[in-house]
All heavy atoms as atom14 arrays in JSON, in Angstrom:
{
  "sequence": "AADFSDDNSNGVIDPLLGEMPGVNWASFGGLIVNDTASEEIIAT",
  "atom14_mask": [
    [1, 1, 1, 1, 1, 0, 0, 0, 0, 0, 0, 0, 0, 0],
    [1, 1, 1, 1, 1, 0, 0, 0, 0, 0, 0, 0, 0, 0],
    [1, 1, 1, 1, 1, 1, 1, 1, 0, 0, 0, 0, 0, 0],
    [1, 1, 1, 1, 1, 1, 1, 1, 1, 1, 1, 0, 0, 0],
    [1, 1, 1, 1, 1, 1, 0, 0, 0, 0, 0, 0, 0, 0],
    [1, 1, 1, 1, 1, 1, 1, 1, 0, 0, 0, 0, 0, 0],
    [1, 1, 1, 1, 1, 1, 1, 1, 0, 0, 0, 0, 0, 0],
    [1, 1, 1, 1, 1, 1, 1, 1, 0, 0, 0, 0, 0, 0],
    [1, 1, 1, 1, 1, 1, 0, 0, 0, 0, 0, 0, 0, 0],
    [1, 1, 1, 1, 1, 1, 1, 1, 0, 0, 0, 0, 0, 0],
    [1, 1, 1, 1, 0, 0, 0, 0, 0, 0, 0, 0, 0, 0],
    [1, 1, 1, 1, 1, 1, 1, 0, 0, 0, 0, 0, 0, 0],
    [1, 1, 1, 1, 1, 1, 1, 1, 0, 0, 0, 0, 0, 0],
    [1, 1, 1, 1, 1, 1, 1, 1, 0, 0, 0, 0, 0, 0],
    [1, 1, 1, 1, 1, 1, 1, 0, 0, 0, 0, 0, 0, 0],
    [1, 1, 1, 1, 1, 1, 1, 1, 0, 0, 0, 0, 0, 0],
    [1, 1, 1, 1, 1, 1, 1, 1, 0, 0, 0, 0, 0, 0],
    [1, 1, 1, 1, 0, 0, 0, 0, 0, 0, 0, 0, 0, 0],
    [1, 1, 1, 1, 1, 1, 1, 1, 1, 0, 0, 0, 0, 0],
    [1, 1, 1, 1, 1, 1, 1, 1, 0, 0, 0, 0, 0, 0],
    [1, 1, 1, 1, 1, 1, 1, 0, 0, 0, 0, 0, 0, 0],
    [1, 1, 1, 1, 0, 0, 0, 0, 0, 0, 0, 0, 0, 0],
    [1, 1, 1, 1, 1, 1, 1, 0, 0, 0, 0, 0, 0, 0],
    [1, 1, 1, 1, 1, 1, 1, 1, 0, 0, 0, 0, 0, 0],
    [1, 1, 1, 1, 1, 1, 1, 1, 1, 1, 1, 1, 1, 1],
    [1, 1, 1, 1, 1, 0, 0, 0, 0, 0, 0, 0, 0, 0],
    [1, 1, 1, 1, 1, 1, 0, 0, 0, 0, 0, 0, 0, 0],
    [1, 1, 1, 1, 1, 1, 1, 1, 1, 1, 1, 0, 0, 0],
    [1, 1, 1, 1, 0, 0, 0, 0, 0, 0, 0, 0, 0, 0],
    [1, 1, 1, 1, 0, 0, 0, 0, 0, 0, 0, 0, 0, 0],
    [1, 1, 1, 1, 1, 1, 1, 1, 0, 0, 0, 0, 0, 0],
    [1, 1, 1, 1, 1, 1, 1, 1, 0, 0, 0, 0, 0, 0],
    [1, 1, 1, 1, 1, 1, 1, 0, 0, 0, 0, 0, 0, 0],
    [1, 1, 1, 1, 1, 1, 1, 1, 0, 0, 0, 0, 0, 0],
    [1, 1, 1, 1, 1, 1, 1, 1, 0, 0, 0, 0, 0, 0],
    [1, 1, 1, 1, 1, 1, 1, 0, 0, 0, 0, 0, 0, 0],
    [1, 1, 1, 1, 1, 0, 0, 0, 0, 0, 0, 0, 0, 0],
    [1, 1, 1, 1, 1, 1, 0, 0, 0, 0, 0, 0, 0, 0],
    [1, 1, 1, 1, 1, 1, 1, 1, 1, 0, 0, 0, 0, 0],
    [1, 1, 1, 1, 1, 1, 1, 1, 1, 0, 0, 0, 0, 0],
    [1, 1, 1, 1, 1, 1, 1, 1, 0, 0, 0, 0, 0, 0],
    [1, 1, 1, 1, 1, 1, 1, 1, 0, 0, 0, 0, 0, 0],
    [1, 1, 1, 1, 1, 0, 0, 0, 0, 0, 0, 0, 0, 0],
    [1, 1, 1, 1, 1, 1, 1, 0, 0, 0, 0, 0, 0, 0]
  ],
  "atom14_positions": [
    [[-4.56, -0.7, -4.5], [-3.43, -1.62, -4.53], [-2.69, -1.57, -5.87], [-1.5, -1.85, -5.92], [-3.91, -3.05, -4.25], [0.0, 0.0, 0.0], [0.0, 0.0, 0.0], [0.0, 0.0, 0.0], [0.0, 0.0, 0.0], [0.0, 0.0, 0.0], [0.0, 0.0, 0.0], [0.0, 0.0, 0.0], [0.0, 0.0, 0.0], [0.0, 0.0, 0.0]],
    [[-3.37, -1.21, -6.94], [-2.7, -1.1, -8.24], [-1.61, -0.02, -8.22], [-0.69, -0.06, -9.03], [-3.72, -0.79, -9.34], [0.0, 0.0, 0.0], [0.0, 0.0, 0.0], [0.0, 0.0, 0.0], [0.0, 0.0, 0.0], [0.0, 0.0, 0.0], [0.0, 0.0, 0.0], [0.0, 0.0, 0.0], [0.0, 0.0, 0.0], [0.0, 0.0, 0.0]],
    [[-1.69, 0.92, -7.28], [-0.69, 1.98, -7.16], [0.47, 1.6, -6.24], [1.41, 2.36, -6.09], [-1.33, 3.27, -6.65], [-2.37, 3.83, -7.61], [-2.22, 3.6, -8.83], [-3.31, 4.47, -7.14], [0.0, 0.0, 0.0], [0.0, 0.0, 0.0], [0.0, 0.0, 0.0], [0.0, 0.0, 0.0], [0.0, 0.0, 0.0], [0.0, 0.0, 0.0]],
    [[0.39, 0.44, -5.57], [1.47, 0.0, -4.7], [2.63, -0.49, -5.56], [2.44, -0.99, -6.66], [1.02, -1.14, -3.78], [-0.12, -0.81, -2.85], [-0.71, -1.79, -2.1], [-0.61, 0.49, -2.73], [-1.76, -1.51, -1.25], [-1.66, 0.77, -1.88], [-2.23, -0.22, -1.13], [0.0, 0.0, 0.0], [0.0, 0.0, 0.0], [0.0, 0.0, 0.0]],
    [[3.84, -0.38, -5.04], [5.01, -0.89, -5.77], [5.94, -1.6, -4.8], [6.42, -1.01, -3.85], [5.75, 0.26, -6.47], [6.22, 1.18, -5.52], [0.0, 0.0, 0.0], [0.0, 0.0, 0.0], [0.0, 0.0, 0.0], [0.0, 0.0, 0.0], [0.0, 0.0, 0.0], [0.0, 0.0, 0.0], [0.0, 0.0, 0.0], [0.0, 0.0, 0.0]],
    [[6.14, -2.88, -5.02], [7.03, -3.68, -4.19], [8.46, -3.45, -4.67], [9.04, -4.27, -5.37], [6.63, -5.15, -4.28], [7.4, -6.02, -3.31], [8.15, -5.48, -2.47], [7.27, -7.25, -3.4], [0.0, 0.0, 0.0], [0.0, 0.0, 0.0], [0.0, 0.0, 0.0], [0.0, 0.0, 0.0], [0.0, 0.0, 0.0], [0.0, 0.0, 0.0]],
    [[9.05, -2.33, -4.28], [10.34, -1.9, -4.8], [11.48, -2.87, -4.49], [12.38, -3.05, -5.28], [10.69, -0.51, -4.27], [9.74, 0.55, -4.78], [9.11, 0.33, -5.85], [9.6, 1.6, -4.12], [0.0, 0.0, 0.0], [0.0, 0.0, 0.0], [0.0, 0.0, 0.0], [0.0, 0.0, 0.0], [0.0, 0.0, 0.0], [0.0, 0.0, 0.0]],
    [[11.42, -3.51, -3.31], [12.5, -4.43, -2.95], [12.15, -5.89, -3.29], [12.88, -6.8, -2.91], [12.88, -4.29, -1.48], [11.69, -4.5, -0.56], [10.61, -4.88, -0.99], [11.9, -4.24, 0.73], [0.0, 0.0, 0.0], [0.0, 0.0, 0.0], [0.0, 0.0, 0.0], [0.0, 0.0, 0.0], [0.0, 0.0, 0.0], [0.0, 0.0, 0.0]],
    [[11.04, -6.12, -3.97], [10.63, -7.45, -4.47], [10.6, -8.52, -3.4], [10.96, -9.67, -3.65], [11.54, -7.89, -5.62], [11.5, -6.96, -6.66], [0.0, 0.0, 0.0], [0.0, 0.0, 0.0], [0.0, 0.0, 0.0], [0.0, 0.0, 0.0], [0.0, 0.0, 0.0], [0.0, 0.0, 0.0], [0.0, 0.0, 0.0], [0.0, 0.0, 0.0]],
    [[10.14, -8.17, -2.2], [10.06, -9.17, -1.13], [8.64, -9.7, -0.93], [8.4, -10.47, -0.01], [10.61, -8.6, 0.18], [9.77, -7.48, 0.74], [8.85, -6.98, 0.08], [10.08, -7.06, 1.96], [0.0, 0.0, 0.0], [0.0, 0.0, 0.0], [0.0, 0.0, 0.0], [0.0, 0.0, 0.0], [0.0, 0.0, 0.0], [0.0, 0.0, 0.0]],
    [[7.69, -9.29, -1.76], [6.32, -9.78, -1.66], [5.49, -9.08, -0.61], [4.36, -9.47, -0.33], [0.0, 0.0, 0.0], [0.0, 0.0, 0.0], [0.0, 0.0, 0.0], [0.0, 0.0, 0.0], [0.0, 0.0, 0.0], [0.0, 0.0, 0.0], [0.0, 0.0, 0.0], [0.0, 0.0, 0.0], [0.0, 0.0, 0.0], [0.0, 0.0, 0.0]],
    [[6.04, -8.04, 0.01], [5.35, -7.31, 1.07], [5.4, -5.82, 0.76], [6.44, -5.3, 0.37], [6.02, -7.58, 2.44], [5.38, -6.76, 3.54], [5.96, -9.06, 2.77], [0.0, 0.0, 0.0], [0.0, 0.0, 0.0], [0.0, 0.0, 0.0], [0.0, 0.0, 0.0], [0.0, 0.0, 0.0], [0.0, 0.0, 0.0], [0.0, 0.0, 0.0]],
    [[4.28, -5.15, 0.93], [4.21, -3.71, 0.74], [4.53, -3.03, 2.07], [3.88, -3.3, 3.08], [2.82, -3.27, 0.24], [2.45, -4.0, -1.06], [2.73, -1.77, 0.09], [3.4, -3.73, -2.2], [0.0, 0.0, 0.0], [0.0, 0.0, 0.0], [0.0, 0.0, 0.0], [0.0, 0.0, 0.0], [0.0, 0.0, 0.0], [0.0, 0.0, 0.0]],
    [[5.53, -2.18, 2.09], [5.93, -1.49, 3.3], [5.69, 0.01, 3.12], [6.36, 0.67, 2.32], [7.41, -1.74, 3.59], [7.84, -1.22, 4.94], [7.19, -0.3, 5.48], [8.85, -1.73, 5.46], [0.0, 0.0, 0.0], [0.0, 0.0, 0.0], [0.0, 0.0, 0.0], [0.0, 0.0, 0.0], [0.0, 0.0, 0.0], [0.0, 0.0, 0.0]],
    [[4.71, 0.58, 3.85], [4.42, 2.0, 3.69], [5.59, 2.91, 4.09], [5.72, 4.01, 3.55], [3.21, 2.24, 4.6], [2.98, 1.01, 5.36], [3.82, -0.08, 4.79], [0.0, 0.0, 0.0], [0.0, 0.0, 0.0], [0.0, 0.0, 0.0], [0.0, 0.0, 0.0], [0.0, 0.0, 0.0], [0.0, 0.0, 0.0], [0.0, 0.0, 0.0]],
    [[6.45, 2.46, 4.98], [7.58, 3.29, 5.41], [8.63, 3.43, 4.32], [9.41, 4.37, 4.32], [8.22, 2.71, 6.67], [7.35, 2.77, 7.93], [8.09, 2.15, 9.1], [6.94, 4.2, 8.24], [0.0, 0.0, 0.0], [0.0, 0.0, 0.0], [0.0, 0.0, 0.0], [0.0, 0.0, 0.0], [0.0, 0.0, 0.0], [0.0, 0.0, 0.0]],
    [[8.65, 2.48, 3.37], [9.61, 2.54, 2.27], [9.02, 3.26, 1.06], [9.62, 3.28, -0.01], [10.04, 1.13, 1.87], [10.77, 0.32, 2.94], [11.07, -1.08, 2.43], [12.04, 1.03, 3.37], [0.0, 0.0, 0.0], [0.0, 0.0, 0.0], [0.0, 0.0, 0.0], [0.0, 0.0, 0.0], [0.0, 0.0, 0.0], [0.0, 0.0, 0.0]],
    [[7.84, 3.82, 1.23], [7.19, 4.53, 0.13], [6.6, 3.61, -0.92], [6.42, 4.02, -2.06], [0.0, 0.0, 0.0], [0.0, 0.0, 0.0], [0.0, 0.0, 0.0], [0.0, 0.0, 0.0], [0.0, 0.0, 0.0], [0.0, 0.0, 0.0], [0.0, 0.0, 0.0], [0.0, 0.0, 0.0], [0.0, 0.0, 0.0], [0.0, 0.0, 0.0]],
    [[6.29, 2.37, -0.53], [5.75, 1.42, -1.5], [4.24, 1.56, -1.69], [3.66, 0.85, -2.5], [6.11, -0.01, -1.07], [7.61, -0.26, -1.12], [8.0, -1.67, -0.76], [7.26, -2.35, -0.01], [9.06, -2.12, -1.23], [0.0, 0.0, 0.0], [0.0, 0.0, 0.0], [0.0, 0.0, 0.0], [0.0, 0.0, 0.0], [0.0, 0.0, 0.0]],
    [[3.63, 2.42, -0.93], [2.21, 2.73, -1.12], [2.01, 4.21, -0.86], [2.74, 4.82, -0.08], [1.32, 1.89, -0.21], [1.43, 2.19, 1.26], [0.42, 1.13, 2.31], [-1.22, 1.59, 1.84], [0.0, 0.0, 0.0], [0.0, 0.0, 0.0], [0.0, 0.0, 0.0], [0.0, 0.0, 0.0], [0.0, 0.0, 0.0], [0.0, 0.0, 0.0]],
    [[1.06, 4.83, -1.56], [0.84, 6.27, -1.35], [0.31, 6.56, 0.05], [-0.38, 5.73, 0.64], [-0.21, 6.63, -2.41], [-0.66, 5.38, -3.04], [0.18, 4.25, -2.55], [0.0, 0.0, 0.0], [0.0, 0.0, 0.0], [0.0, 0.0, 0.0], [0.0, 0.0, 0.0], [0.0, 0.0, 0.0], [0.0, 0.0, 0.0], [0.0, 0.0, 0.0]],
    [[0.66, 7.71, 0.57], [0.15, 8.13, 1.86], [-1.21, 8.79, 1.72], [-1.75, 8.9, 0.62], [0.0, 0.0, 0.0], [0.0, 0.0, 0.0], [0.0, 0.0, 0.0], [0.0, 0.0, 0.0], [0.0, 0.0, 0.0], [0.0, 0.0, 0.0], [0.0, 0.0, 0.0], [0.0, 0.0, 0.0], [0.0, 0.0, 0.0], [0.0, 0.0, 0.0]],
    [[-1.78, 9.19, 2.83], [-3.07, 9.88, 2.79], [-2.83, 11.38, 2.84], [-1.82, 11.85, 3.36], [-3.98, 9.44, 3.96], [-4.38, 7.99, 3.82], [-3.32, 9.68, 5.31], [0.0, 0.0, 0.0], [0.0, 0.0, 0.0], [0.0, 0.0, 0.0], [0.0, 0.0, 0.0], [0.0, 0.0, 0.0], [0.0, 0.0, 0.0], [0.0, 0.0, 0.0]],
    [[-3.76, 12.14, 2.3], [-3.66, 13.6, 2.32], [-4.08, 14.18, 3.67], [-3.59, 15.24, 4.06], [-4.51, 14.21, 1.22], [-3.95, 13.96, -0.15], [-2.84, 13.48, -0.31], [-4.72, 14.26, -1.17], [0.0, 0.0, 0.0], [0.0, 0.0, 0.0], [0.0, 0.0, 0.0], [0.0, 0.0, 0.0], [0.0, 0.0, 0.0], [0.0, 0.0, 0.0]],
    [[-5.01, 13.53, 4.33], [-5.59, 14.08, 5.56], [-5.62, 13.0, 6.63], [-6.47, 12.12, 6.61], [-7.0, 14.59, 5.3], [-7.06, 15.55, 4.16], [-7.35, 15.26, 2.85], [-6.79, 16.94, 4.2], [-7.29, 16.39, 2.09], [-6.95, 17.45, 2.9], [-6.44, 17.83, 5.22], [-6.77, 18.79, 2.59], [-6.25, 19.16, 4.9], [-6.42, 19.62, 3.61]],
    [[-4.71, 13.04, 7.6], [-4.64, 12.01, 8.62], [-5.81, 12.05, 9.59], [-6.09, 11.07, 10.25], [-3.32, 12.14, 9.4], [0.0, 0.0, 0.0], [0.0, 0.0, 0.0], [0.0, 0.0, 0.0], [0.0, 0.0, 0.0], [0.0, 0.0, 0.0], [0.0, 0.0, 0.0], [0.0, 0.0, 0.0], [0.0, 0.0, 0.0], [0.0, 0.0, 0.0]],
    [[-6.5, 13.17, 9.69], [-7.57, 13.27, 10.67], [-8.92, 12.86, 10.12], [-9.93, 12.96, 10.83], [-7.65, 14.71, 11.2], [-7.84, 15.61, 10.13], [0.0, 0.0, 0.0], [0.0, 0.0, 0.0], [0.0, 0.0, 0.0], [0.0, 0.0, 0.0], [0.0, 0.0, 0.0], [0.0, 0.0, 0.0], [0.0, 0.0, 0.0], [0.0, 0.0, 0.0]],
    [[-8.99, 12.37, 8.88], [-10.25, 11.91, 8.31], [-10.1, 10.45, 7.89], [-9.01, 9.99, 7.59], [-10.64, 12.76, 7.1], [-10.91, 14.19, 7.45], [-9.97, 15.16, 7.19], [-12.09, 14.55, 8.06], [-10.2, 16.48, 7.52], [-12.33, 15.87, 8.4], [-11.39, 16.84, 8.13], [0.0, 0.0, 0.0], [0.0, 0.0, 0.0], [0.0, 0.0, 0.0]],
    [[-11.21, 9.75, 7.86], [-11.2, 8.34, 7.5], [-10.66, 8.09, 6.11], [-10.77, 8.93, 5.23], [0.0, 0.0, 0.0], [0.0, 0.0, 0.0], [0.0, 0.0, 0.0], [0.0, 0.0, 0.0], [0.0, 0.0, 0.0], [0.0, 0.0, 0.0], [0.0, 0.0, 0.0], [0.0, 0.0, 0.0], [0.0, 0.0, 0.0], [0.0, 0.0, 0.0]],
    [[-10.06, 6.94, 5.93], [-9.49, 6.58, 4.64], [-9.98, 5.23, 4.17], [-10.69, 4.53, 4.88], [0.0, 0.0, 0.0], [0.0, 0.0, 0.0], [0.0, 0.0, 0.0], [0.0, 0.0, 0.0], [0.0, 0.0, 0.0], [0.0, 0.0, 0.0], [0.0, 0.0, 0.0], [0.0, 0.0, 0.0], [0.0, 0.0, 0.0], [0.0, 0.0, 0.0]],
    [[-9.59, 4.87, 2.97], [-10.05, 3.65, 2.35], [-8.9, 3.05, 1.55], [-8.19, 3.77, 0.84], [-11.21, 4.01, 1.41], [-11.94, 2.94, 0.66], [-12.75, 2.06, 1.62], [-12.88, 3.58, -0.35], [0.0, 0.0, 0.0], [0.0, 0.0, 0.0], [0.0, 0.0, 0.0], [0.0, 0.0, 0.0], [0.0, 0.0, 0.0], [0.0, 0.0, 0.0]],
    [[-8.68, 1.73, 1.71], [-7.7, 1.02, 0.89], [-8.47, -0.03, 0.1], [-9.19, -0.84, 0.67], [-6.6, 0.37, 1.74], [-5.81, 1.43, 2.5], [-5.67, -0.46, 0.86], [-4.78, 0.88, 3.47], [0.0, 0.0, 0.0], [0.0, 0.0, 0.0], [0.0, 0.0, 0.0], [0.0, 0.0, 0.0], [0.0, 0.0, 0.0], [0.0, 0.0, 0.0]],
    [[-8.34, 0.01, -1.21], [-9.07, -0.89, -2.1], [-8.09, -1.8, -2.83], [-7.16, -1.3, -3.45], [-9.89, -0.08, -3.13], [-10.65, -1.01, -4.06], [-10.84, 0.89, -2.45], [0.0, 0.0, 0.0], [0.0, 0.0, 0.0], [0.0, 0.0, 0.0], [0.0, 0.0, 0.0], [0.0, 0.0, 0.0], [0.0, 0.0, 0.0], [0.0, 0.0, 0.0]],
    [[-8.31, -3.11, -2.74], [-7.49, -4.03, -3.53], [-8.18, -4.19, -4.88], [-9.12, -4.96, -5.03], [-7.35, -5.38, -2.84], [-6.42, -6.3, -3.6], [-5.94, -5.96, -4.68], [-6.16, -7.46, -3.04], [0.0, 0.0, 0.0], [0.0, 0.0, 0.0], [0.0, 0.0, 0.0], [0.0, 0.0, 0.0], [0.0, 0.0, 0.0], [0.0, 0.0, 0.0]],
    [[-7.71, -3.45, -5.85], [-8.28, -3.49, -7.2], [-7.42, -4.34, -8.13], [-7.44, -4.16, -9.34], [-8.46, -2.08, -7.76], [-7.17, -1.29, -7.79], [-6.19, -1.71, -7.13], [-7.13, -0.25, -8.46], [0.0, 0.0, 0.0], [0.0, 0.0, 0.0], [0.0, 0.0, 0.0], [0.0, 0.0, 0.0], [0.0, 0.0, 0.0], [0.0, 0.0, 0.0]],
    [[-6.68, -5.28, -7.55], [-5.84, -6.19, -8.35], [-6.43, -7.6, -8.28], [-7.35, -7.86, -7.51], [-4.4, -6.22, -7.81], [-4.4, -6.82, -6.51], [-3.81, -4.83, -7.74], [0.0, 0.0, 0.0], [0.0, 0.0, 0.0], [0.0, 0.0, 0.0], [0.0, 0.0, 0.0], [0.0, 0.0, 0.0], [0.0, 0.0, 0.0], [0.0, 0.0, 0.0]],
    [[-5.89, -8.5, -9.06], [-6.35, -9.88, -9.07], [-5.64, -10.73, -8.02], [-5.93, -11.91, -7.89], [-6.14, -10.49, -10.45], [0.0, 0.0, 0.0], [0.0, 0.0, 0.0], [0.0, 0.0, 0.0], [0.0, 0.0, 0.0], [0.0, 0.0, 0.0], [0.0, 0.0, 0.0], [0.0, 0.0, 0.0], [0.0, 0.0, 0.0], [0.0, 0.0, 0.0]],
    [[-4.72, -10.17, -7.27], [-3.98, -10.95, -6.28], [-4.11, -10.32, -4.9], [-4.48, -9.17, -4.76], [-2.51, -11.03, -6.68], [-1.95, -9.73, -6.71], [0.0, 0.0, 0.0], [0.0, 0.0, 0.0], [0.0, 0.0, 0.0], [0.0, 0.0, 0.0], [0.0, 0.0, 0.0], [0.0, 0.0, 0.0], [0.0, 0.0, 0.0], [0.0, 0.0, 0.0]],
    [[-3.77, -11.13, -3.88], [-3.75, -10.6, -2.53], [-2.54, -9.7, -2.36], [-1.49, -9.93, -2.95], [-3.69, -11.73, -1.5], [-4.98, -12.45, -1.33], [-4.97, -13.39, -0.13], [-3.93, -13.47, 0.56], [-5.99, -14.02, 0.11], [0.0, 0.0, 0.0], [0.0, 0.0, 0.0], [0.0, 0.0, 0.0], [0.0, 0.0, 0.0], [0.0, 0.0, 0.0]],
    [[-2.69, -8.68, -1.55], [-1.59, -7.79, -1.23], [-1.29, -7.92, 0.25], [-2.21, -7.92, 1.07], [-1.95, -6.33, -1.55], [-2.2, -6.06, -3.01], [-0.92, -6.12, -3.84], [0.17, -5.93, -3.29], [-1.04, -6.37, -5.05], [0.0, 0.0, 0.0], [0.0, 0.0, 0.0], [0.0, 0.0, 0.0], [0.0, 0.0, 0.0], [0.0, 0.0, 0.0]],
    [[-0.03, -8.04, 0.6], [0.38, -8.12, 2.0], [1.02, -6.79, 2.36], [2.0, -6.37, 1.75], [1.38, -9.27, 2.23], [0.72, -10.61, 1.84], [1.84, -9.3, 3.68], [1.68, -11.78, 1.84], [0.0, 0.0, 0.0], [0.0, 0.0, 0.0], [0.0, 0.0, 0.0], [0.0, 0.0, 0.0], [0.0, 0.0, 0.0], [0.0, 0.0, 0.0]],
    [[0.44, -6.14, 3.35], [0.97, -4.88, 3.84], [1.52, -5.14, 5.23], [0.79, -5.61, 6.1], [-0.12, -3.8, 3.88], [-0.73, -3.62, 2.49], [0.43, -2.49, 4.42], [-1.96, -2.72, 2.47], [0.0, 0.0, 0.0], [0.0, 0.0, 0.0], [0.0, 0.0, 0.0], [0.0, 0.0, 0.0], [0.0, 0.0, 0.0], [0.0, 0.0, 0.0]],
    [[2.79, -4.86, 5.45], [3.4, -5.17, 6.73], [4.26, -4.01, 7.2], [4.95, -3.36, 6.41], [4.26, -6.42, 6.63], [0.0, 0.0, 0.0], [0.0, 0.0, 0.0], [0.0, 0.0, 0.0], [0.0, 0.0, 0.0], [0.0, 0.0, 0.0], [0.0, 0.0, 0.0], [0.0, 0.0, 0.0], [0.0, 0.0, 0.0], [0.0, 0.0, 0.0]],
    [[4.2, -3.76, 8.5], [5.02, -2.74, 9.13], [4.95, -2.96, 10.63], [4.09, -3.7, 11.12], [4.53, -1.33, 8.74], [5.39, -0.37, 9.35], [3.11, -1.09, 9.16], [0.0, 0.0, 0.0], [0.0, 0.0, 0.0], [0.0, 0.0, 0.0], [0.0, 0.0, 0.0], [0.0, 0.0, 0.0], [0.0, 0.0, 0.0], [0.0, 0.0, 0.0]]
  ]
}
């Protein structure tokens, strides 16, 4: 989550707007870690 960027400052992370990094391999399991002190809202 420290790598997410709320570019439009709406309080929501939108992966379609490039506000969070994508995965390298879609066919393998992934992990999202909130390593910040606040909650992150991911919406799409």
